[in-house]
Amino acid sequence: ILFLATAVAMLFTQKAIAPGTVWFELYLLAVLASYFCYCWLRSGQTVGMFAWRLLLSDLAGKRVNLATALLRFFVATLLGFGVLGLLWALIDIDRVALQDRLTGTRVLRLPKAIRAR
């Protein structure tokens, strides 16, 4: 996703983009936020979550809304809770990641699909 987003940006600049360019970093952050929020709103799963049979939901078991999806994304990325948040699940009594604890969401494991014979 970021590779394609960079290619699109380079179509407009017609040159390489220097590391640390603020507008470019904000653009990539917006692309990532759009991807994650779109996936979570549409099906509750990113491509990786689908492969691992994981589903993001709110505490009631329903799909998250846009505000919750954006909050979860920014808590996990901008506040640096991504990896730390996952490690938090090791000590959390409910085994919930910090970004899920703070945003009222849960990542559920889906059962294996039964194959038709």
PDB file of N, CA and C in Angstrom:
ATOM      1  N   ILE A   1       0.835  -1.191   0.000  1.00  0.00           N
ATOM      2  CA  ILE A   1       0.000   0.000   0.000  1.00  0.00           C
ATOM      3  C   ILE A   1       0.877   1.251   0.000  1.00  0.00           C
ATOM      4  N   LEU A   2       1.887   1.250   0.846  1.00  0.00           N
ATOM      5  CA  LEU A   2       2.762   2.423   0.912  1.00  0.00           C
ATOM      6  C   LEU A   2       3.604   2.562  -0.357  1.00  0.00           C
ATOM      7  N   PHE A   3       3.967   1.442  -0.942  1.00  0.00           N
ATOM      8  CA  PHE A   3       4.718   1.482  -2.203  1.00  0.00           C
ATOM      9  C   PHE A   3       3.874   2.152  -3.288  1.00  0.00           C
ATOM     10  N   LEU A   4       2.620   1.734  -3.401  1.00  0.00           N
ATOM     11  CA  LEU A   4       1.733   2.328  -4.407  1.00  0.00           C
ATOM     12  C   LEU A   4       1.455   3.802  -4.101  1.00  0.00           C
ATOM     13  N   ALA A   5       1.279   4.125  -2.825  1.00  0.00           N
ATOM     14  CA  ALA A   5       1.041   5.519  -2.449  1.00  0.00           C
ATOM     15  C   ALA A   5       2.248   6.384  -2.792  1.00  0.00           C
ATOM     16  N   THR A   6       3.442   5.841  -2.605  1.00  0.00           N
ATOM     17  CA  THR A   6       4.659   6.573  -2.953  1.00  0.00           C
ATOM     18  C   THR A   6       4.754   6.763  -4.459  1.00  0.00           C
ATOM     19  N   ALA A   7       4.408   5.729  -5.217  1.00  0.00           N
ATOM     20  CA  ALA A   7       4.440   5.843  -6.677  1.00  0.00           C
ATOM     21  C   ALA A   7       3.484   6.929  -7.157  1.00  0.00           C
ATOM     22  N   VAL A   8       2.314   7.008  -6.560  1.00  0.00           N
ATOM     23  CA  VAL A   8       1.346   8.046  -6.925  1.00  0.00           C
ATOM     24  C   VAL A   8       1.913   9.427  -6.597  1.00  0.00           C
ATOM     25  N   ALA A   9       2.503   9.567  -5.421  1.00  0.00           N
ATOM     26  CA  ALA A   9       3.084  10.859  -5.030  1.00  0.00           C
ATOM     27  C   ALA A   9       4.209  11.266  -5.986  1.00  0.00           C
ATOM     28  N   MET A  10       5.000  10.290  -6.408  1.00  0.00           N
ATOM     29  CA  MET A  10       6.112  10.601  -7.303  1.00  0.00           C
ATOM     30  C   MET A  10       5.638  10.975  -8.706  1.00  0.00           C
ATOM     31  N   LEU A  11       4.441  10.555  -9.085  1.00  0.00           N
ATOM     32  CA  LEU A  11       3.879  10.994 -10.363  1.00  0.00           C
ATOM     33  C   LEU A  11       3.672  12.505 -10.365  1.00  0.00           C
ATOM     34  N   PHE A  12       3.310  13.040  -9.199  1.00  0.00           N
ATOM     35  CA  PHE A  12       3.060  14.476  -9.094  1.00  0.00           C
ATOM     36  C   PHE A  12       4.339  15.282  -8.890  1.00  0.00           C
ATOM     37  N   THR A  13       5.321  14.706  -8.177  1.00  0.00           N
ATOM     38  CA  THR A  13       6.559  15.454  -7.911  1.00  0.00           C
ATOM     39  C   THR A  13       7.576  15.298  -9.035  1.00  0.00           C
ATOM     40  N   GLN A  14       7.475  14.215  -9.792  1.00  0.00           N
ATOM     41  CA  GLN A  14       8.401  13.917 -10.897  1.00  0.00           C
ATOM     42  C   GLN A  14       9.848  13.749 -10.425  1.00  0.00           C
ATOM     43  N   LYS A  15      10.030  13.480  -9.131  1.00  0.00           N
ATOM     44  CA  LYS A  15      11.376  13.232  -8.596  1.00  0.00           C
ATOM     45  C   LYS A  15      11.252  12.473  -7.288  1.00  0.00           C
ATOM     46  N   ALA A  16      12.392  12.031  -6.791  1.00  0.00           N
ATOM     47  CA  ALA A  16      12.412  11.332  -5.510  1.00  0.00           C
ATOM     48  C   ALA A  16      12.025  12.301  -4.393  1.00  0.00           C
ATOM     49  N   ILE A  17      11.382  11.765  -3.384  1.00  0.00           N
ATOM     50  CA  ILE A  17      10.959  12.585  -2.251  1.00  0.00           C
ATOM     51  C   ILE A  17      11.973  12.400  -1.133  1.00  0.00           C
ATOM     52  N   ALA A  18      12.513  13.489  -0.639  1.00  0.00           N
ATOM     53  CA  ALA A  18      13.557  13.428   0.388  1.00  0.00           C
ATOM     54  C   ALA A  18      13.009  12.856   1.694  1.00  0.00           C
ATOM     55  N   PRO A  19      13.811  12.050   2.377  1.00  0.00           N
ATOM     56  CA  PRO A  19      13.391  11.534   3.686  1.00  0.00           C
ATOM     57  C   PRO A  19      13.099  12.692   4.640  1.00  0.00           C
ATOM     58  N   GLY A  20      12.075  12.508   5.469  1.00  0.00           N
ATOM     59  CA  GLY A  20      11.726  13.538   6.436  1.00  0.00           C
ATOM     60  C   GLY A  20      10.845  14.647   5.897  1.00  0.00           C
ATOM     61  N   THR A  21      10.360  14.508   4.676  1.00  0.00           N
ATOM     62  CA  THR A  21       9.466  15.511   4.102  1.00  0.00           C
ATOM     63  C   THR A  21       8.111  15.406   4.810  1.00  0.00           C
ATOM     64  N   VAL A  22       7.731  16.457   5.508  1.00  0.00           N
ATOM     65  CA  VAL A  22       6.558  16.410   6.381  1.00  0.00           C
ATOM     66  C   VAL A  22       5.275  16.111   5.621  1.00  0.00           C
ATOM     67  N   TRP A  23       5.045  16.779   4.496  1.00  0.00           N
ATOM     68  CA  TRP A  23       3.801  16.545   3.765  1.00  0.00           C
ATOM     69  C   TRP A  23       3.702  15.097   3.300  1.00  0.00           C
ATOM     70  N   PHE A  24       4.844  14.508   2.940  1.00  0.00           N
ATOM     71  CA  PHE A  24       4.851  13.130   2.463  1.00  0.00           C
ATOM     72  C   PHE A  24       4.562  12.156   3.604  1.00  0.00           C
ATOM     73  N   GLU A  25       5.144  12.411   4.768  1.00  0.00           N
ATOM     74  CA  GLU A  25       4.897  11.549   5.920  1.00  0.00           C
ATOM     75  C   GLU A  25       3.440  11.627   6.356  1.00  0.00           C
ATOM     76  N   LEU A  26       2.860  12.822   6.332  1.00  0.00           N
ATOM     77  CA  LEU A  26       1.444  12.971   6.671  1.00  0.00           C
ATOM     78  C   LEU A  26       0.556  12.279   5.640  1.00  0.00           C
ATOM     79  N   TYR A  27       0.946  12.360   4.379  1.00  0.00           N
ATOM     80  CA  TYR A  27       0.226  11.683   3.304  1.00  0.00           C
ATOM     81  C   TYR A  27       0.233  10.168   3.528  1.00  0.00           C
ATOM     82  N   LEU A  28       1.403   9.608   3.846  1.00  0.00           N
ATOM     83  CA  LEU A  28       1.490   8.164   4.083  1.00  0.00           C
ATOM     84  C   LEU A  28       0.687   7.760   5.320  1.00  0.00           C
ATOM     85  N   LEU A  29       0.701   8.584   6.338  1.00  0.00           N
ATOM     86  CA  LEU A  29      -0.094   8.318   7.532  1.00  0.00           C
ATOM     87  C   LEU A  29      -1.586   8.314   7.191  1.00  0.00           C
ATOM     88  N   ALA A  30      -2.003   9.245   6.352  1.00  0.00           N
ATOM     89  CA  ALA A  30      -3.401   9.301   5.919  1.00  0.00           C
ATOM     90  C   ALA A  30      -3.767   8.076   5.082  1.00  0.00           C
ATOM     91  N   VAL A  31      -2.844   7.619   4.244  1.00  0.00           N
ATOM     92  CA  VAL A  31      -3.090   6.415   3.435  1.00  0.00           C
ATOM     93  C   VAL A  31      -3.271   5.205   4.345  1.00  0.00           C
ATOM     94  N   LEU A  32      -2.395   5.050   5.331  1.00  0.00           N
ATOM     95  CA  LEU A  32      -2.513   3.930   6.263  1.00  0.00           C
ATOM     96  C   LEU A  32      -3.806   4.000   7.070  1.00  0.00           C
ATOM     97  N   ALA A  33      -4.130   5.184   7.575  1.00  0.00           N
ATOM     98  CA  ALA A  33      -5.363   5.352   8.344  1.00  0.00           C
ATOM     99  C   ALA A  33      -6.567   4.998   7.479  1.00  0.00           C
ATOM    100  N   SER A  34      -6.555   5.432   6.228  1.00  0.00           N
ATOM    101  CA  SER A  34      -7.656   5.130   5.312  1.00  0.00           C
ATOM    102  C   SER A  34      -7.796   3.632   5.090  1.00  0.00           C
ATOM    103  N   TYR A  35      -6.674   2.950   4.895  1.00  0.00           N
ATOM    104  CA  TYR A  35      -6.695   1.508   4.667  1.00  0.00           C
ATOM    105  C   TYR A  35      -7.277   0.772   5.866  1.00  0.00           C
ATOM    106  N   PHE A  36      -6.709   1.025   7.049  1.00  0.00           N
ATOM    107  CA  PHE A  36      -7.163   0.313   8.229  1.00  0.00           C
ATOM    108  C   PHE A  36      -8.626   0.624   8.537  1.00  0.00           C
ATOM    109  N   CYS A  37      -8.991   1.895   8.518  1.00  0.00           N
ATOM    110  CA  CYS A  37     -10.370   2.264   8.833  1.00  0.00           C
ATOM    111  C   CYS A  37     -11.351   1.703   7.815  1.00  0.00           C
ATOM    112  N   TYR A  38     -11.012   1.752   6.545  1.00  0.00           N
ATOM    113  CA  TYR A  38     -11.883   1.190   5.514  1.00  0.00           C
ATOM    114  C   TYR A  38     -12.114  -0.306   5.777  1.00  0.00           C
ATOM    115  N   CYS A  39     -11.054  -1.030   6.008  1.00  0.00           N
ATOM    116  CA  CYS A  39     -11.172  -2.478   6.242  1.00  0.00           C
ATOM    117  C   CYS A  39     -11.980  -2.774   7.501  1.00  0.00           C
ATOM    118  N   TRP A  40     -11.686  -2.058   8.588  1.00  0.00           N
ATOM    119  CA  TRP A  40     -12.402  -2.312   9.840  1.00  0.00           C
ATOM    120  C   TRP A  40     -13.872  -1.950   9.730  1.00  0.00           C
ATOM    121  N   LEU A  41     -14.192  -0.902   8.983  1.00  0.00           N
ATOM    122  CA  LEU A  41     -15.591  -0.509   8.826  1.00  0.00           C
ATOM    123  C   LEU A  41     -16.333  -1.458   7.885  1.00  0.00           C
ATOM    124  N   ARG A  42     -15.660  -1.891   6.837  1.00  0.00           N
ATOM    125  CA  ARG A  42     -16.294  -2.717   5.813  1.00  0.00           C
ATOM    126  C   ARG A  42     -16.562  -4.134   6.317  1.00  0.00           C
ATOM    127  N   SER A  43     -15.513  -4.774   6.871  1.00  0.00           N
ATOM    128  CA  SER A  43     -15.678  -6.180   7.247  1.00  0.00           C
ATOM    129  C   SER A  43     -15.145  -6.508   8.637  1.00  0.00           C
ATOM    130  N   GLY A  44     -14.495  -5.545   9.279  1.00  0.00           N
ATOM    131  CA  GLY A  44     -13.906  -5.819  10.585  1.00  0.00           C
ATOM    132  C   GLY A  44     -12.543  -6.479  10.484  1.00  0.00           C
ATOM    133  N   GLN A  45     -12.025  -6.609   9.263  1.00  0.00           N
ATOM    134  CA  GLN A  45     -10.763  -7.310   9.053  1.00  0.00           C
ATOM    135  C   GLN A  45      -9.913  -6.633   7.993  1.00  0.00           C
ATOM    136  N   THR A  46      -8.604  -6.564   8.249  1.00  0.00           N
ATOM    137  CA  THR A  46      -7.663  -6.221   7.195  1.00  0.00           C
ATOM    138  C   THR A  46      -7.304  -7.530   6.474  1.00  0.00           C
ATOM    139  N   VAL A  47      -6.502  -7.456   5.457  1.00  0.00           N
ATOM    140  CA  VAL A  47      -6.100  -8.675   4.740  1.00  0.00           C
ATOM    141  C   VAL A  47      -5.368  -9.619   5.689  1.00  0.00           C
ATOM    142  N   GLY A  48      -4.469  -9.074   6.497  1.00  0.00           N
ATOM    143  CA  GLY A  48      -3.737  -9.900   7.462  1.00  0.00           C
ATOM    144  C   GLY A  48      -4.649 -10.509   8.514  1.00  0.00           C
ATOM    145  N   MET A  49      -5.614  -9.742   8.984  1.00  0.00           N
ATOM    146  CA  MET A  49      -6.560 -10.258   9.978  1.00  0.00           C
ATOM    147  C   MET A  49      -7.409 -11.378   9.377  1.00  0.00           C
ATOM    148  N   PHE A  50      -7.751 -11.243   8.099  1.00  0.00           N
ATOM    149  CA  PHE A  50      -8.515 -12.290   7.424  1.00  0.00           C
ATOM    150  C   PHE A  50      -7.717 -13.588   7.386  1.00  0.00           C
ATOM    151  N   ALA A  51      -6.434 -13.481   7.050  1.00  0.00           N
ATOM    152  CA  ALA A  51      -5.581 -14.669   6.959  1.00  0.00           C
ATOM    153  C   ALA A  51      -5.441 -15.364   8.318  1.00  0.00           C
ATOM    154  N   TRP A  52      -5.423 -14.595   9.393  1.00  0.00           N
ATOM    155  CA  TRP A  52      -5.271 -15.151  10.737  1.00  0.00           C
ATOM    156  C   TRP A  52      -6.618 -15.398  11.408  1.00  0.00           C
ATOM    157  N   ARG A  53      -7.721 -15.166  10.679  1.00  0.00           N
ATOM    158  CA  ARG A  53      -9.076 -15.365  11.192  1.00  0.00           C
ATOM    159  C   ARG A  53      -9.343 -14.509  12.429  1.00  0.00           C
ATOM    160  N   LEU A  54      -8.967 -13.228  12.334  1.00  0.00           N
ATOM    161  CA  LEU A  54      -9.205 -12.283  13.418  1.00  0.00           C
ATOM    162  C   LEU A  54     -10.250 -11.270  12.973  1.00  0.00           C
ATOM    163  N   LEU A  55     -11.033 -10.775  13.925  1.00  0.00           N
ATOM    164  CA  LEU A  55     -12.103  -9.833  13.619  1.00  0.00           C
ATOM    165  C   LEU A  55     -12.121  -8.748  14.683  1.00  0.00           C
ATOM    166  N   LEU A  56     -12.142  -7.500  14.255  1.00  0.00           N
ATOM    167  CA  LEU A  56     -12.239  -6.377  15.182  1.00  0.00           C
ATOM    168  C   LEU A  56     -13.709  -6.051  15.407  1.00  0.00           C
ATOM    169  N   SER A  57     -14.102  -5.910  16.675  1.00  0.00           N
ATOM    170  CA  SER A  57     -15.474  -5.538  16.989  1.00  0.00           C
ATOM    171  C   SER A  57     -15.482  -4.642  18.219  1.00  0.00           C
ATOM    172  N   ASP A  58     -16.635  -4.030  18.476  1.00  0.00           N
ATOM    173  CA  ASP A  58     -16.763  -3.266  19.710  1.00  0.00           C
ATOM    174  C   ASP A  58     -17.122  -4.245  20.837  1.00  0.00           C
ATOM    175  N   LEU A  59     -17.338  -3.730  22.027  1.00  0.00           N
ATOM    176  CA  LEU A  59     -17.600  -4.602  23.173  1.00  0.00           C
ATOM    177  C   LEU A  59     -18.924  -5.353  23.049  1.00  0.00           C
ATOM    178  N   ALA A  60     -19.836  -4.836  22.225  1.00  0.00           N
ATOM    179  CA  ALA A  60     -21.124  -5.496  22.015  1.00  0.00           C
ATOM    180  C   ALA A  60     -21.058  -6.544  20.899  1.00  0.00           C
ATOM    181  N   GLY A  61     -19.884  -6.693  20.276  1.00  0.00           N
ATOM    182  CA  GLY A  61     -19.737  -7.665  19.195  1.00  0.00           C
ATOM    183  C   GLY A  61     -20.126  -7.144  17.839  1.00  0.00           C
ATOM    184  N   LYS A  62     -20.359  -5.830  17.736  1.00  0.00           N
ATOM    185  CA  LYS A  62     -20.740  -5.225  16.458  1.00  0.00           C
ATOM    186  C   LYS A  62     -19.527  -4.575  15.810  1.00  0.00           C
ATOM    187  N   ARG A  63     -19.671  -4.226  14.546  1.00  0.00           N
ATOM    188  CA  ARG A  63     -18.584  -3.532  13.845  1.00  0.00           C
ATOM    189  C   ARG A  63     -18.339  -2.173  14.477  1.00  0.00           C
ATOM    190  N   VAL A  64     -17.102  -1.736  14.408  1.00  0.00           N
ATOM    191  CA  VAL A  64     -16.764  -0.434  14.980  1.00  0.00           C
ATOM    192  C   VAL A  64     -17.243   0.679  14.060  1.00  0.00           C
ATOM    193  N   ASN A  65     -17.445   1.859  14.638  1.00  0.00           N
ATOM    194  CA  ASN A  65     -17.819   3.014  13.821  1.00  0.00           C
ATOM    195  C   ASN A  65     -16.568   3.783  13.421  1.00  0.00           C
ATOM    196  N   LEU A  66     -16.721   4.795  12.602  1.00  0.00           N
ATOM    197  CA  LEU A  66     -15.573   5.537  12.076  1.00  0.00           C
ATOM    198  C   LEU A  66     -14.757   6.186  13.188  1.00  0.00           C
ATOM    199  N   ALA A  67     -15.416   6.798  14.151  1.00  0.00           N
ATOM    200  CA  ALA A  67     -14.689   7.462  15.239  1.00  0.00           C
ATOM    201  C   ALA A  67     -13.847   6.467  16.021  1.00  0.00           C
ATOM    202  N   THR A  68     -14.387   5.304  16.313  1.00  0.00           N
ATOM    203  CA  THR A  68     -13.647   4.278  17.051  1.00  0.00           C
ATOM    204  C   THR A  68     -12.494   3.734  16.226  1.00  0.00           C
ATOM    205  N   ALA A  69     -12.716   3.510  14.938  1.00  0.00           N
ATOM    206  CA  ALA A  69     -11.656   3.002  14.062  1.00  0.00           C
ATOM    207  C   ALA A  69     -10.506   4.000  13.985  1.00  0.00           C
ATOM    208  N   LEU A  70     -10.827   5.277  13.803  1.00  0.00           N
ATOM    209  CA  LEU A  70      -9.775   6.307  13.760  1.00  0.00           C
ATOM    210  C   LEU A  70      -9.041   6.407  15.086  1.00  0.00           C
ATOM    211  N   LEU A  71      -9.777   6.384  16.187  1.00  0.00           N
ATOM    212  CA  LEU A  71      -9.144   6.456  17.504  1.00  0.00           C
ATOM    213  C   LEU A  71      -8.217   5.272  17.729  1.00  0.00           C
ATOM    214  N   ARG A  72      -8.663   4.066  17.365  1.00  0.00           N
ATOM    215  CA  ARG A  72      -7.835   2.872  17.545  1.00  0.00           C
ATOM    216  C   ARG A  72      -6.569   2.965  16.693  1.00  0.00           C
ATOM    217  N   PHE A  73      -6.708   3.417  15.462  1.00  0.00           N
ATOM    218  CA  PHE A  73      -5.540   3.562  14.596  1.00  0.00           C
ATOM    219  C   PHE A  73      -4.539   4.542  15.198  1.00  0.00           C
ATOM    220  N   PHE A  74      -5.014   5.699  15.624  1.00  0.00           N
ATOM    221  CA  PHE A  74      -4.095   6.716  16.130  1.00  0.00           C
ATOM    222  C   PHE A  74      -3.515   6.348  17.491  1.00  0.00           C
ATOM    223  N   VAL A  75      -4.264   5.663  18.324  1.00  0.00           N
ATOM    224  CA  VAL A  75      -3.705   5.200  19.603  1.00  0.00           C
ATOM    225  C   VAL A  75      -2.580   4.206  19.335  1.00  0.00           C
ATOM    226  N   ALA A  76      -2.797   3.298  18.389  1.00  0.00           N
ATOM    227  CA  ALA A  76      -1.799   2.274  18.097  1.00  0.00           C
ATOM    228  C   ALA A  76      -0.571   2.832  17.375  1.00  0.00           C
ATOM    229  N   THR A  77      -0.756   3.875  16.556  1.00  0.00           N
ATOM    230  CA  THR A  77       0.382   4.376  15.773  1.00  0.00           C
ATOM    231  C   THR A  77       1.020   5.613  16.371  1.00  0.00           C
ATOM    232  N   LEU A  78       0.275   6.657  16.521  1.00  0.00           N
ATOM    233  CA  LEU A  78       0.860   7.919  16.959  1.00  0.00           C
ATOM    234  C   LEU A  78       1.312   7.900  18.414  1.00  0.00           C
ATOM    235  N   LEU A  79       0.590   7.199  19.254  1.00  0.00           N
ATOM    236  CA  LEU A  79       0.997   7.140  20.644  1.00  0.00           C
ATOM    237  C   LEU A  79       2.026   6.048  20.891  1.00  0.00           C
ATOM    238  N   GLY A  80       2.344   5.308  19.844  1.00  0.00           N
ATOM    239  CA  GLY A  80       3.392   4.292  19.951  1.00  0.00           C
ATOM    240  C   GLY A  80       2.967   3.037  20.680  1.00  0.00           C
ATOM    241  N   PHE A  81       1.658   2.814  20.763  1.00  0.00           N
ATOM    242  CA  PHE A  81       1.181   1.643  21.489  1.00  0.00           C
ATOM    243  C   PHE A  81       1.133   0.390  20.625  1.00  0.00           C
ATOM    244  N   GLY A  82       1.508   0.478  19.362  1.00  0.00           N
ATOM    245  CA  GLY A  82       1.439  -0.682  18.480  1.00  0.00           C
ATOM    246  C   GLY A  82       2.025  -1.929  19.097  1.00  0.00           C
ATOM    247  N   VAL A  83       3.325  -2.008  19.198  1.00  0.00           N
ATOM    248  CA  VAL A  83       3.995  -3.178  19.768  1.00  0.00           C
ATOM    249  C   VAL A  83       3.812  -3.213  21.278  1.00  0.00           C
ATOM    250  N   LEU A  84       3.949  -2.059  21.927  1.00  0.00           N
ATOM    251  CA  LEU A  84       3.768  -2.018  23.376  1.00  0.00           C
ATOM    252  C   LEU A  84       2.356  -2.436  23.761  1.00  0.00           C
ATOM    253  N   GLY A  85       1.398  -2.026  22.939  1.00  0.00           N
ATOM    254  CA  GLY A  85       0.017  -2.398  23.196  1.00  0.00           C
ATOM    255  C   GLY A  85      -0.212  -3.892  23.096  1.00  0.00           C
ATOM    256  N   LEU A  86       0.469  -4.509  22.159  1.00  0.00           N
ATOM    257  CA  LEU A  86       0.352  -5.963  22.026  1.00  0.00           C
ATOM    258  C   LEU A  86       1.017  -6.674  23.190  1.00  0.00           C
ATOM    259  N   LEU A  87       2.155  -6.159  23.625  1.00  0.00           N
ATOM    260  CA  LEU A  87       2.833  -6.746  24.781  1.00  0.00           C
ATOM    261  C   LEU A  87       1.998  -6.579  26.046  1.00  0.00           C
ATOM    262  N   TRP A  88       1.234  -5.492  26.107  1.00  0.00           N
ATOM    263  CA  TRP A  88       0.344  -5.256  27.239  1.00  0.00           C
ATOM    264  C   TRP A  88      -0.608  -6.436  27.432  1.00  0.00           C
ATOM    265  N   ALA A  89      -1.023  -7.047  26.343  1.00  0.00           N
ATOM    266  CA  ALA A  89      -1.958  -8.163  26.417  1.00  0.00           C
ATOM    267  C   ALA A  89      -1.392  -9.330  27.225  1.00  0.00           C
ATOM    268  N   LEU A  90      -0.079  -9.420  27.321  1.00  0.00           N
ATOM    269  CA  LEU A  90       0.532 -10.492  28.102  1.00  0.00           C
ATOM    270  C   LEU A  90       0.283 -10.333  29.596  1.00  0.00           C
ATOM    271  N   ILE A  91       0.105  -9.097  30.052  1.00  0.00           N
ATOM    272  CA  ILE A  91      -0.112  -8.871  31.479  1.00  0.00           C
ATOM    273  C   ILE A  91      -1.549  -8.467  31.803  1.00  0.00           C
ATOM    274  N   ASP A  92      -2.350  -8.182  30.771  1.00  0.00           N
ATOM    275  CA  ASP A  92      -3.738  -7.786  30.984  1.00  0.00           C
ATOM    276  C   ASP A  92      -4.555  -8.983  31.453  1.00  0.00           C
ATOM    277  N   ILE A  93      -5.419  -8.761  32.414  1.00  0.00           N
ATOM    278  CA  ILE A  93      -6.216  -9.859  32.970  1.00  0.00           C
ATOM    279  C   ILE A  93      -7.127 -10.501  31.925  1.00  0.00           C
ATOM    280  N   ASP A  94      -7.599  -9.702  30.967  1.00  0.00           N
ATOM    281  CA  ASP A  94      -8.469 -10.222  29.903  1.00  0.00           C
ATOM    282  C   ASP A  94      -7.703 -10.538  28.621  1.00  0.00           C
ATOM    283  N   ARG A  95      -6.384 -10.379  28.643  1.00  0.00           N
ATOM    284  CA  ARG A  95      -5.527 -10.608  27.466  1.00  0.00           C
ATOM    285  C   ARG A  95      -5.917  -9.693  26.305  1.00  0.00           C
ATOM    286  N   VAL A  96      -6.177  -8.429  26.633  1.00  0.00           N
ATOM    287  CA  VAL A  96      -6.601  -7.441  25.649  1.00  0.00           C
ATOM    288  C   VAL A  96      -5.459  -6.454  25.423  1.00  0.00           C
ATOM    289  N   ALA A  97      -5.182  -6.131  24.171  1.00  0.00           N
ATOM    290  CA  ALA A  97      -4.129  -5.164  23.834  1.00  0.00           C
ATOM    291  C   ALA A  97      -4.520  -3.784  24.358  1.00  0.00           C
ATOM    292  N   LEU A  98      -3.528  -2.967  24.631  1.00  0.00           N
ATOM    293  CA  LEU A  98      -3.768  -1.650  25.210  1.00  0.00           C
ATOM    294  C   LEU A  98      -4.637  -0.781  24.302  1.00  0.00           C
ATOM    295  N   GLN A  99      -4.392  -0.817  22.990  1.00  0.00           N
ATOM    296  CA  GLN A  99      -5.210  -0.005  22.085  1.00  0.00           C
ATOM    297  C   GLN A  99      -6.669  -0.451  22.106  1.00  0.00           C
ATOM    298  N   ASP A 100      -6.914  -1.729  22.331  1.00  0.00           N
ATOM    299  CA  ASP A 100      -8.293  -2.208  22.440  1.00  0.00           C
ATOM    300  C   ASP A 100      -8.897  -1.822  23.786  1.00  0.00           C
ATOM    301  N   ARG A 101      -8.108  -1.897  24.829  1.00  0.00           N
ATOM    302  CA  ARG A 101      -8.582  -1.507  26.163  1.00  0.00           C
ATOM    303  C   ARG A 101      -8.989  -0.027  26.170  1.00  0.00           C
ATOM    304  N   LEU A 102      -8.154   0.822  25.540  1.00  0.00           N
ATOM    305  CA  LEU A 102      -8.406   2.257  25.548  1.00  0.00           C
ATOM    306  C   LEU A 102      -9.546   2.686  24.627  1.00  0.00           C
ATOM    307  N   THR A 103      -9.832   1.901  23.606  1.00  0.00           N
ATOM    308  CA  THR A 103     -10.858   2.301  22.632  1.00  0.00           C
ATOM    309  C   THR A 103     -12.147   1.492  22.722  1.00  0.00           C
ATOM    310  N   GLY A 104     -12.218   0.554  23.642  1.00  0.00           N
ATOM    311  CA  GLY A 104     -13.441  -0.231  23.782  1.00  0.00           C
ATOM    312  C   GLY A 104     -13.679  -1.192  22.638  1.00  0.00           C
ATOM    313  N   THR A 105     -12.602  -1.756  22.115  1.00  0.00           N
ATOM    314  CA  THR A 105     -12.719  -2.725  21.025  1.00  0.00           C
ATOM    315  C   THR A 105     -12.112  -4.048  21.466  1.00  0.00           C
ATOM    316  N   ARG A 106     -12.354  -5.069  20.682  1.00  0.00           N
ATOM    317  CA  ARG A 106     -11.777  -6.380  20.935  1.00  0.00           C
ATOM    318  C   ARG A 106     -11.424  -7.023  19.601  1.00  0.00           C
ATOM    319  N   VAL A 107     -10.366  -7.821  19.612  1.00  0.00           N
ATOM    320  CA  VAL A 107     -10.012  -8.624  18.445  1.00  0.00           C
ATOM    321  C   VAL A 107     -10.405 -10.054  18.781  1.00  0.00           C
ATOM    322  N   LEU A 108     -11.328 -10.580  18.003  1.00  0.00           N
ATOM    323  CA  LEU A 108     -11.853 -11.915  18.237  1.00  0.00           C
ATOM    324  C   LEU A 108     -11.237 -12.904  17.262  1.00  0.00           C
ATOM    325  N   ARG A 109     -11.081 -14.130  17.707  1.00  0.00           N
ATOM    326  CA  ARG A 109     -10.596 -15.188  16.832  1.00  0.00           C
ATOM    327  C   ARG A 109     -11.805 -15.932  16.293  1.00  0.00           C
ATOM    328  N   LEU A 110     -11.869 -16.038  14.969  1.00  0.00           N
ATOM    329  CA  LEU A 110     -12.981 -16.717  14.323  1.00  0.00           C
ATOM    330  C   LEU A 110     -12.696 -18.205  14.209  1.00  0.00           C
ATOM    331  N   PRO A 111     -13.735 -19.038  14.256  1.00  0.00           N
ATOM    332  CA  PRO A 111     -13.516 -20.476  14.103  1.00  0.00           C
ATOM    333  C   PRO A 111     -13.094 -20.808  12.674  1.00  0.00           C
ATOM    334  N   LYS A 112     -12.437 -21.950  12.535  1.00  0.00           N
ATOM    335  CA  LYS A 112     -12.065 -22.401  11.197  1.00  0.00           C
ATOM    336  C   LYS A 112     -13.326 -22.715  10.411  1.00  0.00           C
ATOM    337  N   ALA A 113     -13.293 -22.356   9.136  1.00  0.00           N
ATOM    338  CA  ALA A 113     -14.449 -22.629   8.276  1.00  0.00           C
ATOM    339  C   ALA A 113     -14.549 -24.134   8.032  1.00  0.00           C
ATOM    340  N   ILE A 114     -15.774 -24.616   8.026  1.00  0.00           N
ATOM    341  CA  ILE A 114     -15.996 -26.021   7.733  1.00  0.00           C
ATOM    342  C   ILE A 114     -16.034 -26.184   6.225  1.00  0.00           C
ATOM    343  N   ARG A 115     -15.194 -27.052   5.719  1.00  0.00           N
ATOM    344  CA  ARG A 115     -15.125 -27.248   4.266  1.00  0.00           C
ATOM    345  C   ARG A 115     -16.224 -28.206   3.808  1.00  0.00           C
ATOM    346  N   ALA A 116     -16.812 -27.868   2.697  1.00  0.00           N
ATOM    347  CA  ALA A 116     -17.820 -28.752   2.113  1.00  0.00           C
ATOM    348  C   ALA A 116     -17.118 -29.940   1.477  1.00  0.00           C
ATOM    349  N   ARG A 117     -17.713 -31.104   1.605  1.00  0.00           N
ATOM    350  CA  ARG A 117     -17.081 -32.301   1.021  1.00  0.00           C
ATOM    351  C   ARG A 117     -17.621 -32.611  -0.334  1.00  0.00           C
TER     352      ARG A 117
END
